[in-house]
Amino acid sequence: FTSTQGTYSARAGKDAFVITPYGLDRQYLEAEDLVLIQGGQKEAGKRPSRSVRLHEAIYAAHTEIESVLIAHPPSI
């Protein structure tokens, strides 16, 4: 994917995950651009994807899941 389409996250502990930021081109992301969500709180100074609560709900409901990918293709 390039552009800002799609959201990716990965579990980073029992009550934490990292998620792609809002509004940044996925092609140019660096590890430090990812946003840590821990205990329902976002990392200070960063803006997570707008679907952060959906990812959080998936992790809470499915403890076996380690990552989530939500695609938003520009055309089908």
C-alpha atoms as a PDB file:
ATOM      1  CA  PHE A   1       0.000   0.000   0.000  1.00  0.00           C
ATOM      2  CA  THR A   2       1.022   3.553  -0.580  1.00  0.00           C
ATOM      3  CA  SER A   3      -0.796   6.682   0.491  1.00  0.00           C
ATOM      4  CA  THR A   4      -2.839   6.802   3.672  1.00  0.00           C
ATOM      5  CA  GLN A   5      -5.170   3.955   2.745  1.00  0.00           C
ATOM      6  CA  GLY A   6      -5.433   1.151   5.274  1.00  0.00           C
ATOM      7  CA  THR A   7      -4.558   0.725   8.913  1.00  0.00           C
ATOM      8  CA  TYR A   8      -2.134  -1.738  10.443  1.00  0.00           C
ATOM      9  CA  SER A   9      -1.488  -2.656  14.051  1.00  0.00           C
ATOM     10  CA  ALA A  10       0.428  -5.237  16.061  1.00  0.00           C
ATOM     11  CA  ARG A  11       0.114  -6.355  19.638  1.00  0.00           C
ATOM     12  CA  ALA A  12       2.926  -5.055  21.857  1.00  0.00           C
ATOM     13  CA  GLY A  13       2.078  -6.688  25.172  1.00  0.00           C
ATOM     14  CA  LYS A  14      -0.944  -7.764  27.171  1.00  0.00           C
ATOM     15  CA  ASP A  15      -2.650  -4.366  27.187  1.00  0.00           C
ATOM     16  CA  ALA A  16      -0.776  -2.588  24.381  1.00  0.00           C
ATOM     17  CA  PHE A  17      -0.416  -2.394  20.625  1.00  0.00           C
ATOM     18  CA  VAL A  18       1.200  -0.174  18.019  1.00  0.00           C
ATOM     19  CA  ILE A  19      -0.860   1.278  15.187  1.00  0.00           C
ATOM     20  CA  THR A  20      -0.204   3.327  12.087  1.00  0.00           C
ATOM     21  CA  PRO A  21      -0.631   7.068  12.497  1.00  0.00           C
ATOM     22  CA  TYR A  22      -3.376   9.170  10.978  1.00  0.00           C
ATOM     23  CA  GLY A  23      -2.578  11.036   7.772  1.00  0.00           C
ATOM     24  CA  LEU A  24       0.944   9.785   7.005  1.00  0.00           C
ATOM     25  CA  ASP A  25       1.852   7.992   3.779  1.00  0.00           C
ATOM     26  CA  ARG A  26       2.355   4.304   4.595  1.00  0.00           C
ATOM     27  CA  GLN A  27       5.152   4.057   2.043  1.00  0.00           C
ATOM     28  CA  TYR A  28       7.399   6.344   4.072  1.00  0.00           C
ATOM     29  CA  LEU A  29       6.629   5.246   7.640  1.00  0.00           C
ATOM     30  CA  GLU A  30       9.478   4.578  10.021  1.00  0.00           C
ATOM     31  CA  ALA A  31       9.213   2.546  13.230  1.00  0.00           C
ATOM     32  CA  GLU A  32       9.205   5.740  15.306  1.00  0.00           C
ATOM     33  CA  ASP A  33       6.077   6.944  13.435  1.00  0.00           C
ATOM     34  CA  LEU A  34       3.952   4.136  14.885  1.00  0.00           C
ATOM     35  CA  VAL A  35       1.713   5.093  17.788  1.00  0.00           C
ATOM     36  CA  LEU A  36       1.770   3.069  20.998  1.00  0.00           C
ATOM     37  CA  ILE A  37      -1.649   2.484  22.548  1.00  0.00           C
ATOM     38  CA  GLN A  38      -1.367   1.232  26.120  1.00  0.00           C
ATOM     39  CA  GLY A  39      -4.193   0.873  28.593  1.00  0.00           C
ATOM     40  CA  GLY A  40      -6.505   2.686  26.181  1.00  0.00           C
ATOM     41  CA  GLN A  41      -4.245   5.755  26.035  1.00  0.00           C
ATOM     42  CA  LYS A  42      -2.308   6.963  23.006  1.00  0.00           C
ATOM     43  CA  GLU A  43       1.344   7.852  23.055  1.00  0.00           C
ATOM     44  CA  ALA A  44       1.832  11.534  23.871  1.00  0.00           C
ATOM     45  CA  GLY A  45       2.337  13.804  20.886  1.00  0.00           C
ATOM     46  CA  LYS A  46       1.169  11.299  18.292  1.00  0.00           C
ATOM     47  CA  ARG A  47      -2.098  10.874  16.403  1.00  0.00           C
ATOM     48  CA  PRO A  48      -3.249   7.261  15.833  1.00  0.00           C
ATOM     49  CA  SER A  49      -5.423   6.058  12.983  1.00  0.00           C
ATOM     50  CA  ARG A  50      -9.093   6.902  13.354  1.00  0.00           C
ATOM     51  CA  SER A  51      -9.866   3.167  13.553  1.00  0.00           C
ATOM     52  CA  VAL A  52      -7.868   2.766  16.764  1.00  0.00           C
ATOM     53  CA  ARG A  53     -10.953   1.780  18.799  1.00  0.00           C
ATOM     54  CA  LEU A  54     -11.858  -0.954  16.300  1.00  0.00           C
ATOM     55  CA  HIS A  55      -8.359  -2.432  16.579  1.00  0.00           C
ATOM     56  CA  GLU A  56      -8.562  -2.164  20.370  1.00  0.00           C
ATOM     57  CA  ALA A  57     -11.903  -4.029  20.393  1.00  0.00           C
ATOM     58  CA  ILE A  58     -10.533  -6.795  18.163  1.00  0.00           C
ATOM     59  CA  TYR A  59      -7.546  -7.346  20.462  1.00  0.00           C
ATOM     60  CA  ALA A  60      -9.770  -7.374  23.547  1.00  0.00           C
ATOM     61  CA  ALA A  61     -12.211  -9.887  22.060  1.00  0.00           C
ATOM     62  CA  HIS A  62      -9.602 -12.144  20.450  1.00  0.00           C
ATOM     63  CA  THR A  63      -6.562 -12.617  22.664  1.00  0.00           C
ATOM     64  CA  GLU A  64      -5.015 -15.000  20.119  1.00  0.00           C
ATOM     65  CA  ILE A  65      -4.756 -12.275  17.452  1.00  0.00           C
ATOM     66  CA  GLU A  66      -1.344 -10.630  17.194  1.00  0.00           C
ATOM     67  CA  SER A  67      -1.957  -8.156  14.354  1.00  0.00           C
ATOM     68  CA  VAL A  68      -4.785  -6.472  12.442  1.00  0.00           C
ATOM     69  CA  LEU A  69      -4.858  -5.153   8.891  1.00  0.00           C
ATOM     70  CA  ILE A  70      -7.766  -3.098   7.591  1.00  0.00           C
ATOM     71  CA  ALA A  71      -7.542  -2.293   3.884  1.00  0.00           C
ATOM     72  CA  HIS A  72      -9.178   0.716   2.240  1.00  0.00           C
ATOM     73  CA  PRO A  73      -8.421   0.115  -1.451  1.00  0.00           C
ATOM     74  CA  PRO A  74      -9.064   3.074  -3.750  1.00  0.00           C
ATOM     75  CA  SER A  75     -10.944   0.804  -6.152  1.00  0.00           C
ATOM     76  CA  ILE A  76     -12.385  -2.675  -6.102  1.00  0.00           C
END
